[in-house]
Structure formats: C-alpha cells, structure tokens
Amino acid sequence: MNKLDILVIAAHPDDAELGCSGTILAQVSKGYKVGIVDLTKGEMGTRGTPEIRLKEADDAAKILGLSARENMGFKDVLFLDDEAHQLEVIRVIRKYQPEIVLANAIRDRHPDHGKGASLATHACFMSGLRKIETEYEGKNQEAWRPKFVYHYIQNNYIEPDFVFDITDHWETKVKSILAYQSQFHDPSSKEPESFISNPDFLPFIEARAREMGHRIFKTYGEGFTVERMIGADDLFDLK
C-alpha cells in the first residue's frame, strides 16, 4: 500500500527542505507517513547537475525520514499548469492518497513556485473527479481528493494564515538543507554564484524561521497559507 498521510509537492529538489522540512520532521516524529514529489530535477539551476541534485534529494529524504520520494521529471522553468502535467500529478496523488498536501508558495520570486502551487491546487481538485481516468501499474486508479491543501511560504514574504512550531526540529531542518551541498555557499567552489549560494541566503532562512516563530511565541516556525477556512471544535486546540 502506497498511502501517505501527507504529500509534499515541490517544484524543485530543495524547495520542501527550505520551505517546510521542520513541519515534515515534526509530523514524521508523531508517526505520520510523509512523502515528497519533486516536479523537476532543477536542471536549470546555476550550480550542480540534475544527477547531483537527485543524489542530494535522496540524502535529504533519509535525514527527513520520508516514506517516499520521487521526481516527476518535468522540465525545469518550462513546465506548465496544463492538462498533460495535471494528469501526471493526479496520477501521483491517487497513487499516494494523502489526507493533506503541502505545496509551493502561491507566488514567489521564482515563477516555478507559483506554477507549482497552481498545478498542485488544480490537480488535487481534479483528482477527486471520477470521470477523469488514470492508470498506475496497468490498473485504473480510484478518484481521491486530499482533505486539505496548504502552501508553504518560500522566498517572498507572504502573511501566513497559520504558523507551525518547528523549534524542536530546527537543527535537523538545517541538516536536510545542507544535504544540497552543490547549491549553497562553499568558498572553495569554482562554480558561479547563484541567488541561493550567496553567503547571506542561509542566514536569511534562519531569520525568516525566527520571524515566524516570534509570531507564535516560539523560537522557530514555518508559515503556511490555506485555500479554505480552517475549522475547529475546541478552542483549546488553538495555540
């Protein structure tokens, strides 16, 4: 059985680690099964190669304790939120049948992030339509719609709808990010500097996590936006 509790959909390898790996670690520590589907291999990235990125993603998956990770092989920068790509994402949603999907930021500096968010949103809804037919391993798949879709906040500041406390998992989050050795600051590297290899980038990631944590009176946090209103039946469930 491939079923996951939570499926993270990410435009590039390292999006999930940067955006929501603390939340992933917290949920895994509670016994939930979490997986990541990377849409592209990040082949348009300034540094490294697709092969290196895949190896780094596998290393990060071990650090995060994922139950599954796969790469869709869509074209970096050039993939679209269209029928062909939607059907592929529907197939993977029906394969894993997650209750919750965590997806890219709804808008961001990198246009793939907004596209990835839109693609995930549309595919999650369409996956619940039984008249859209897909197959996996030669068998027809059943319709499946996740109960919730939440979007993690990435580079650009977006006012969060809720913040998840990741204080206990901060150090391991950092380890999962640093699994992508080819992408971040290395003074010995002869590759050209990129937006994320600038030595100020990782301190920015910590500052953002501290900012989010500060909003909920914790040390570190990760912010999310929601697609529909969150409900509760006990006020003491609200932190």
C-alpha atoms as a PDB file:
ATOM      1  CA  MET A   1       0.000   0.000   0.000  1.00  0.00           C
ATOM      2  CA  ASN A   2       1.451   3.374  -1.070  1.00  0.00           C
ATOM      3  CA  LYS A   3      -0.843   5.524   1.096  1.00  0.00           C
ATOM      4  CA  LEU A   4       0.689   8.555   2.772  1.00  0.00           C
ATOM      5  CA  ASP A   5      -0.727  10.847   5.414  1.00  0.00           C
ATOM      6  CA  ILE A   6       0.959  13.916   3.919  1.00  0.00           C
ATOM      7  CA  LEU A   7       2.285  14.504   0.407  1.00  0.00           C
ATOM      8  CA  VAL A   8       4.579  17.457  -0.255  1.00  0.00           C
ATOM      9  CA  ILE A   9       4.620  18.707  -3.852  1.00  0.00           C
ATOM     10  CA  ALA A  10       7.669  20.794  -4.729  1.00  0.00           C
ATOM     11  CA  ALA A  11       8.726  22.424  -7.985  1.00  0.00           C
ATOM     12  CA  HIS A  12      12.427  21.744  -7.335  1.00  0.00           C
ATOM     13  CA  PRO A  13      14.542  19.478  -5.160  1.00  0.00           C
ATOM     14  CA  ASP A  14      15.296  21.552  -2.021  1.00  0.00           C
ATOM     15  CA  ASP A  15      12.017  23.550  -2.130  1.00  0.00           C
ATOM     16  CA  ALA A  16      10.486  21.287   0.506  1.00  0.00           C
ATOM     17  CA  GLU A  17      13.601  21.345   2.673  1.00  0.00           C
ATOM     18  CA  LEU A  18      13.793  25.132   2.614  1.00  0.00           C
ATOM     19  CA  GLY A  19      10.053  25.723   2.944  1.00  0.00           C
ATOM     20  CA  CYS A  20       8.547  23.080   5.202  1.00  0.00           C
ATOM     21  CA  SER A  21      11.063  20.459   6.350  1.00  0.00           C
ATOM     22  CA  GLY A  22      10.600  21.391  10.005  1.00  0.00           C
ATOM     23  CA  THR A  23       6.903  20.619   9.665  1.00  0.00           C
ATOM     24  CA  ILE A  24       7.728  17.367   7.863  1.00  0.00           C
ATOM     25  CA  LEU A  25      10.087  16.329  10.668  1.00  0.00           C
ATOM     26  CA  ALA A  26       7.508  17.152  13.334  1.00  0.00           C
ATOM     27  CA  GLN A  27       4.826  15.070  11.606  1.00  0.00           C
ATOM     28  CA  VAL A  28       7.185  12.141  10.984  1.00  0.00           C
ATOM     29  CA  SER A  29       8.171  12.206  14.666  1.00  0.00           C
ATOM     30  CA  LYS A  30       4.473  11.693  15.506  1.00  0.00           C
ATOM     31  CA  GLY A  31       4.284   8.591  13.325  1.00  0.00           C
ATOM     32  CA  TYR A  32       2.728  10.082  10.198  1.00  0.00           C
ATOM     33  CA  LYS A  33       3.865   8.863   6.793  1.00  0.00           C
ATOM     34  CA  VAL A  34       5.159  11.733   4.680  1.00  0.00           C
ATOM     35  CA  GLY A  35       6.441  11.760   1.113  1.00  0.00           C
ATOM     36  CA  ILE A  36       7.765  14.342  -1.340  1.00  0.00           C
ATOM     37  CA  VAL A  37       7.158  14.567  -5.072  1.00  0.00           C
ATOM     38  CA  ASP A  38       9.598  16.908  -6.813  1.00  0.00           C
ATOM     39  CA  LEU A  39       8.212  18.141 -10.118  1.00  0.00           C
ATOM     40  CA  THR A  40      11.581  18.863 -11.794  1.00  0.00           C
ATOM     41  CA  LYS A  41      15.235  17.930 -11.367  1.00  0.00           C
ATOM     42  CA  GLY A  42      16.246  21.571 -11.025  1.00  0.00           C
ATOM     43  CA  GLU A  43      18.306  21.255 -14.182  1.00  0.00           C
ATOM     44  CA  MET A  44      18.206  24.981 -14.910  1.00  0.00           C
ATOM     45  CA  GLY A  45      19.939  25.737 -11.630  1.00  0.00           C
ATOM     46  CA  THR A  46      23.165  27.733 -11.849  1.00  0.00           C
ATOM     47  CA  ARG A  47      25.189  25.184  -9.889  1.00  0.00           C
ATOM     48  CA  GLY A  48      25.415  21.405  -9.842  1.00  0.00           C
ATOM     49  CA  THR A  49      23.801  18.906 -12.218  1.00  0.00           C
ATOM     50  CA  PRO A  50      20.486  17.035 -12.283  1.00  0.00           C
ATOM     51  CA  GLU A  51      22.320  13.856 -11.262  1.00  0.00           C
ATOM     52  CA  ILE A  52      23.879  15.590  -8.262  1.00  0.00           C
ATOM     53  CA  ARG A  53      20.534  17.101  -7.265  1.00  0.00           C
ATOM     54  CA  LEU A  54      18.851  13.682  -7.345  1.00  0.00           C
ATOM     55  CA  LYS A  55      21.558  12.230  -5.099  1.00  0.00           C
ATOM     56  CA  GLU A  56      21.238  15.195  -2.733  1.00  0.00           C
ATOM     57  CA  ALA A  57      17.441  14.778  -2.653  1.00  0.00           C
ATOM     58  CA  ASP A  58      17.892  11.136  -1.701  1.00  0.00           C
ATOM     59  CA  ASP A  59      20.290  12.111   1.096  1.00  0.00           C
ATOM     60  CA  ALA A  60      17.814  14.715   2.364  1.00  0.00           C
ATOM     61  CA  ALA A  61      14.989  12.154   2.251  1.00  0.00           C
ATOM     62  CA  LYS A  62      16.921   9.932   4.656  1.00  0.00           C
ATOM     63  CA  ILE A  63      17.500  12.846   7.032  1.00  0.00           C
ATOM     64  CA  LEU A  64      13.782  13.689   6.967  1.00  0.00           C
ATOM     65  CA  GLY A  65      12.666  10.079   7.453  1.00  0.00           C
ATOM     66  CA  LEU A  66      10.405  10.153   4.393  1.00  0.00           C
ATOM     67  CA  SER A  67       8.264   7.167   3.463  1.00  0.00           C
ATOM     68  CA  ALA A  68       8.554   8.012  -0.257  1.00  0.00           C
ATOM     69  CA  ARG A  69      10.243  10.440  -2.615  1.00  0.00           C
ATOM     70  CA  GLU A  70      10.069  10.597  -6.375  1.00  0.00           C
ATOM     71  CA  ASN A  71      10.816  13.012  -9.182  1.00  0.00           C
ATOM     72  CA  MET A  72       8.308  13.696 -11.964  1.00  0.00           C
ATOM     73  CA  GLY A  73      10.976  14.801 -14.434  1.00  0.00           C
ATOM     74  CA  PHE A  74       9.026  17.828 -15.660  1.00  0.00           C
ATOM     75  CA  LYS A  75      11.097  20.463 -17.480  1.00  0.00           C
ATOM     76  CA  ASP A  76      12.548  22.955 -15.037  1.00  0.00           C
ATOM     77  CA  VAL A  77      11.244  26.500 -15.725  1.00  0.00           C
ATOM     78  CA  LEU A  78       9.309  25.247 -18.786  1.00  0.00           C
ATOM     79  CA  PHE A  79       6.642  23.026 -17.183  1.00  0.00           C
ATOM     80  CA  LEU A  80       3.073  24.312 -17.306  1.00  0.00           C
ATOM     81  CA  ASP A  81      -0.142  24.052 -15.347  1.00  0.00           C
ATOM     82  CA  ASP A  82      -1.864  22.347 -18.266  1.00  0.00           C
ATOM     83  CA  GLU A  83      -3.794  19.154 -18.931  1.00  0.00           C
ATOM     84  CA  ALA A  84      -0.766  16.936 -19.599  1.00  0.00           C
ATOM     85  CA  HIS A  85       1.001  17.959 -16.371  1.00  0.00           C
ATOM     86  CA  GLN A  86      -2.221  17.924 -14.350  1.00  0.00           C
ATOM     87  CA  LEU A  87      -2.901  14.320 -15.350  1.00  0.00           C
ATOM     88  CA  GLU A  88       0.587  13.279 -14.229  1.00  0.00           C
ATOM     89  CA  VAL A  89       0.136  14.943 -10.843  1.00  0.00           C
ATOM     90  CA  ILE A  90      -3.361  13.451 -10.491  1.00  0.00           C
ATOM     91  CA  ARG A  91      -1.813  10.035 -11.064  1.00  0.00           C
ATOM     92  CA  VAL A  92       0.685  10.545  -8.231  1.00  0.00           C
ATOM     93  CA  ILE A  93      -1.977  11.953  -5.859  1.00  0.00           C
ATOM     94  CA  ARG A  94      -4.157   8.902  -6.475  1.00  0.00           C
ATOM     95  CA  LYS A  95      -1.137   6.654  -6.016  1.00  0.00           C
ATOM     96  CA  TYR A  96      -0.360   8.008  -2.530  1.00  0.00           C
ATOM     97  CA  GLN A  97      -3.892   9.040  -1.439  1.00  0.00           C
ATOM     98  CA  PRO A  98      -2.713  11.723   1.022  1.00  0.00           C
ATOM     99  CA  GLU A  99      -5.047  13.354   3.511  1.00  0.00           C
ATOM    100  CA  ILE A 100      -3.016  16.581   3.355  1.00  0.00           C
ATOM    101  CA  VAL A 101      -0.963  18.135   0.560  1.00  0.00           C
ATOM    102  CA  LEU A 102       1.716  20.758   1.218  1.00  0.00           C
ATOM    103  CA  ALA A 103       2.532  22.709  -1.934  1.00  0.00           C
ATOM    104  CA  ASN A 104       4.705  25.584  -3.157  1.00  0.00           C
ATOM    105  CA  ALA A 105       4.088  29.210  -2.265  1.00  0.00           C
ATOM    106  CA  ILE A 106       1.172  30.731  -4.161  1.00  0.00           C
ATOM    107  CA  ARG A 107       3.525  33.413  -5.531  1.00  0.00           C
ATOM    108  CA  ASP A 108       7.268  33.867  -5.262  1.00  0.00           C
ATOM    109  CA  ARG A 109      10.478  35.188  -6.798  1.00  0.00           C
ATOM    110  CA  HIS A 110      10.872  32.023  -8.900  1.00  0.00           C
ATOM    111  CA  PRO A 111       7.910  31.645 -11.281  1.00  0.00           C
ATOM    112  CA  ASP A 112       8.046  27.831 -10.971  1.00  0.00           C
ATOM    113  CA  HIS A 113       6.908  28.146  -7.368  1.00  0.00           C
ATOM    114  CA  GLY A 114       3.655  29.886  -8.264  1.00  0.00           C
ATOM    115  CA  LYS A 115       3.157  27.485 -11.180  1.00  0.00           C
ATOM    116  CA  GLY A 116       3.816  24.513  -8.913  1.00  0.00           C
ATOM    117  CA  ALA A 117       1.282  25.860  -6.412  1.00  0.00           C
ATOM    118  CA  SER A 118      -1.355  26.306  -9.101  1.00  0.00           C
ATOM    119  CA  LEU A 119      -0.657  22.902 -10.622  1.00  0.00           C
ATOM    120  CA  ALA A 120      -0.955  21.194  -7.234  1.00  0.00           C
ATOM    121  CA  THR A 121      -4.179  23.047  -6.413  1.00  0.00           C
ATOM    122  CA  HIS A 122      -5.852  22.114  -9.698  1.00  0.00           C
ATOM    123  CA  ALA A 123      -4.615  18.517  -9.635  1.00  0.00           C
ATOM    124  CA  CYS A 124      -5.828  17.993  -6.052  1.00  0.00           C
ATOM    125  CA  PHE A 125      -9.341  19.066  -7.021  1.00  0.00           C
ATOM    126  CA  MET A 126      -9.380  17.207 -10.329  1.00  0.00           C
ATOM    127  CA  SER A 127      -8.071  14.048  -8.660  1.00  0.00           C
ATOM    128  CA  GLY A 128     -11.442  13.754  -6.929  1.00  0.00           C
ATOM    129  CA  LEU A 129     -13.358  13.674 -10.214  1.00  0.00           C
ATOM    130  CA  ARG A 130     -14.135  10.046 -11.016  1.00  0.00           C
ATOM    131  CA  LYS A 131     -14.676  10.780 -14.700  1.00  0.00           C
ATOM    132  CA  ILE A 132     -11.020  11.739 -15.068  1.00  0.00           C
ATOM    133  CA  GLU A 133      -9.440   8.347 -15.679  1.00  0.00           C
ATOM    134  CA  THR A 134      -5.831   7.484 -14.850  1.00  0.00           C
ATOM    135  CA  GLU A 135      -3.837   4.274 -14.538  1.00  0.00           C
ATOM    136  CA  TYR A 136      -0.980   3.129 -12.333  1.00  0.00           C
ATOM    137  CA  GLU A 137       0.887  -0.114 -12.990  1.00  0.00           C
ATOM    138  CA  GLY A 138      -1.723  -1.117 -15.533  1.00  0.00           C
ATOM    139  CA  LYS A 139      -4.703  -0.675 -13.195  1.00  0.00           C
ATOM    140  CA  ASN A 140      -7.375   2.007 -13.168  1.00  0.00           C
ATOM    141  CA  GLN A 141      -6.990   4.358 -10.227  1.00  0.00           C
ATOM    142  CA  GLU A 142      -9.779   5.384  -7.892  1.00  0.00           C
ATOM    143  CA  ALA A 143     -10.667   9.058  -7.547  1.00  0.00           C
ATOM    144  CA  TRP A 144      -9.070  10.665  -4.487  1.00  0.00           C
ATOM    145  CA  ARG A 145      -9.190  14.237  -3.201  1.00  0.00           C
ATOM    146  CA  PRO A 146      -6.985  15.369  -0.303  1.00  0.00           C
ATOM    147  CA  LYS A 147      -8.883  16.947   2.559  1.00  0.00           C
ATOM    148  CA  PHE A 148      -6.565  19.970   2.862  1.00  0.00           C
ATOM    149  CA  VAL A 149      -4.031  21.822   0.712  1.00  0.00           C
ATOM    150  CA  TYR A 150      -1.632  24.156   2.492  1.00  0.00           C
ATOM    151  CA  HIS A 151       1.034  26.288   0.793  1.00  0.00           C
ATOM    152  CA  TYR A 152       4.403  26.773   2.468  1.00  0.00           C
ATOM    153  CA  ILE A 153       5.952  30.258   2.291  1.00  0.00           C
ATOM    154  CA  GLN A 154       9.257  30.474   0.412  1.00  0.00           C
ATOM    155  CA  ASN A 155      11.457  33.434  -0.554  1.00  0.00           C
ATOM    156  CA  ASN A 156       8.960  36.309  -0.773  1.00  0.00           C
ATOM    157  CA  TYR A 157       7.163  37.310   2.395  1.00  0.00           C
ATOM    158  CA  ILE A 158       3.502  36.302   2.439  1.00  0.00           C
ATOM    159  CA  GLU A 159       1.352  36.897   5.501  1.00  0.00           C
ATOM    160  CA  PRO A 160       0.761  33.389   6.894  1.00  0.00           C
ATOM    161  CA  ASP A 161      -2.655  32.019   7.740  1.00  0.00           C
ATOM    162  CA  PHE A 162      -1.009  29.833  10.369  1.00  0.00           C
ATOM    163  CA  VAL A 163       2.495  29.157  11.675  1.00  0.00           C
ATOM    164  CA  PHE A 164       3.776  25.708  12.608  1.00  0.00           C
ATOM    165  CA  ASP A 165       6.213  25.452  15.530  1.00  0.00           C
ATOM    166  CA  ILE A 166       9.437  23.778  14.347  1.00  0.00           C
ATOM    167  CA  THR A 167      11.660  24.732  17.271  1.00  0.00           C
ATOM    168  CA  ASP A 168      12.436  21.143  18.286  1.00  0.00           C
ATOM    169  CA  HIS A 169      13.369  20.239  14.725  1.00  0.00           C
ATOM    170  CA  TRP A 170      15.386  23.257  13.617  1.00  0.00           C
ATOM    171  CA  GLU A 171      18.812  21.613  13.693  1.00  0.00           C
ATOM    172  CA  THR A 172      17.643  18.648  11.624  1.00  0.00           C
ATOM    173  CA  LYS A 173      15.938  21.003   9.167  1.00  0.00           C
ATOM    174  CA  VAL A 174      19.305  22.687   8.647  1.00  0.00           C
ATOM    175  CA  LYS A 175      20.945  19.294   8.037  1.00  0.00           C
ATOM    176  CA  SER A 176      18.335  18.472   5.399  1.00  0.00           C
ATOM    177  CA  ILE A 177      19.023  21.786   3.636  1.00  0.00           C
ATOM    178  CA  LEU A 178      22.780  21.264   3.746  1.00  0.00           C
ATOM    179  CA  ALA A 179      22.342  17.870   2.062  1.00  0.00           C
ATOM    180  CA  TYR A 180      22.236  20.020  -1.097  1.00  0.00           C
ATOM    181  CA  GLN A 181      25.953  20.769  -0.919  1.00  0.00           C
ATOM    182  CA  SER A 182      26.133  21.815  -4.567  1.00  0.00           C
ATOM    183  CA  GLN A 183      23.599  24.605  -4.108  1.00  0.00           C
ATOM    184  CA  PHE A 184      24.713  26.618  -1.107  1.00  0.00           C
ATOM    185  CA  HIS A 185      27.712  28.715  -0.159  1.00  0.00           C
ATOM    186  CA  ASP A 186      31.053  26.952  -0.492  1.00  0.00           C
ATOM    187  CA  PRO A 187      34.096  29.242  -0.571  1.00  0.00           C
ATOM    188  CA  SER A 188      36.118  26.536  -2.347  1.00  0.00           C
ATOM    189  CA  SER A 189      33.616  26.150  -5.209  1.00  0.00           C
ATOM    190  CA  LYS A 190      34.627  27.417  -8.636  1.00  0.00           C
ATOM    191  CA  GLU A 191      31.034  27.477  -9.885  1.00  0.00           C
ATOM    192  CA  PRO A 192      29.313  30.843 -10.440  1.00  0.00           C
ATOM    193  CA  GLU A 193      27.459  32.342  -7.516  1.00  0.00           C
ATOM    194  CA  SER A 194      23.694  31.935  -7.566  1.00  0.00           C
ATOM    195  CA  PHE A 195      20.856  33.554  -5.656  1.00  0.00           C
ATOM    196  CA  ILE A 196      20.868  30.800  -3.031  1.00  0.00           C
ATOM    197  CA  SER A 197      24.644  30.235  -2.889  1.00  0.00           C
ATOM    198  CA  ASN A 198      25.194  33.786  -1.675  1.00  0.00           C
ATOM    199  CA  PRO A 199      26.577  33.588   1.893  1.00  0.00           C
ATOM    200  CA  ASP A 200      23.673  35.710   3.138  1.00  0.00           C
ATOM    201  CA  PHE A 201      20.994  33.253   1.979  1.00  0.00           C
ATOM    202  CA  LEU A 202      21.076  30.667   4.780  1.00  0.00           C
ATOM    203  CA  PRO A 203      21.138  33.368   7.487  1.00  0.00           C
ATOM    204  CA  PHE A 204      18.015  34.760   5.754  1.00  0.00           C
ATOM    205  CA  ILE A 205      16.345  31.325   6.050  1.00  0.00           C
ATOM    206  CA  GLU A 206      17.079  31.320   9.774  1.00  0.00           C
ATOM    207  CA  ALA A 207      15.863  34.902  10.146  1.00  0.00           C
ATOM    208  CA  ARG A 208      12.588  34.026   8.391  1.00  0.00           C
ATOM    209  CA  ALA A 209      12.117  30.993  10.655  1.00  0.00           C
ATOM    210  CA  ARG A 210      12.806  33.138  13.708  1.00  0.00           C
ATOM    211  CA  GLU A 211      10.361  35.766  12.445  1.00  0.00           C
ATOM    212  CA  MET A 212       7.638  33.150  12.010  1.00  0.00           C
ATOM    213  CA  GLY A 213       8.425  31.603  15.372  1.00  0.00           C
ATOM    214  CA  HIS A 214       8.278  35.011  17.011  1.00  0.00           C
ATOM    215  CA  ARG A 215       4.703  35.412  15.775  1.00  0.00           C
ATOM    216  CA  ILE A 216       3.619  32.411  17.871  1.00  0.00           C
ATOM    217  CA  PHE A 217       6.000  32.981  20.821  1.00  0.00           C
ATOM    218  CA  LYS A 218       8.318  30.157  19.762  1.00  0.00           C
ATOM    219  CA  THR A 219      11.921  30.214  18.575  1.00  0.00           C
ATOM    220  CA  TYR A 220      11.422  28.871  15.042  1.00  0.00           C
ATOM    221  CA  GLY A 221       8.367  28.485  12.833  1.00  0.00           C
ATOM    222  CA  GLU A 222       7.234  27.804   9.267  1.00  0.00           C
ATOM    223  CA  GLY A 223       4.379  29.786   7.752  1.00  0.00           C
ATOM    224  CA  PHE A 224       1.576  28.467   5.561  1.00  0.00           C
ATOM    225  CA  THR A 225      -1.375  29.856   3.651  1.00  0.00           C
ATOM    226  CA  VAL A 226      -4.635  27.966   3.283  1.00  0.00           C
ATOM    227  CA  GLU A 227      -7.041  27.520   0.398  1.00  0.00           C
ATOM    228  CA  ARG A 228     -10.153  27.417   2.542  1.00  0.00           C
ATOM    229  CA  MET A 229     -11.051  28.334   6.084  1.00  0.00           C
ATOM    230  CA  ILE A 230      -9.726  26.089   8.843  1.00  0.00           C
ATOM    231  CA  GLY A 231     -12.347  24.978  11.370  1.00  0.00           C
ATOM    232  CA  ALA A 232     -12.086  23.823  14.977  1.00  0.00           C
ATOM    233  CA  ASP A 233     -14.491  22.301  17.506  1.00  0.00           C
ATOM    234  CA  ASP A 234     -12.448  23.030  20.637  1.00  0.00           C
ATOM    235  CA  LEU A 235     -10.951  26.457  21.381  1.00  0.00           C
ATOM    236  CA  PHE A 236      -8.170  24.752  23.357  1.00  0.00           C
ATOM    237  CA  ASP A 237      -6.903  23.186  20.112  1.00  0.00           C
ATOM    238  CA  LEU A 238      -5.862  26.697  19.035  1.00  0.00           C
ATOM    239  CA  LYS A 239      -2.380  27.568  20.237  1.00  0.00           C
END
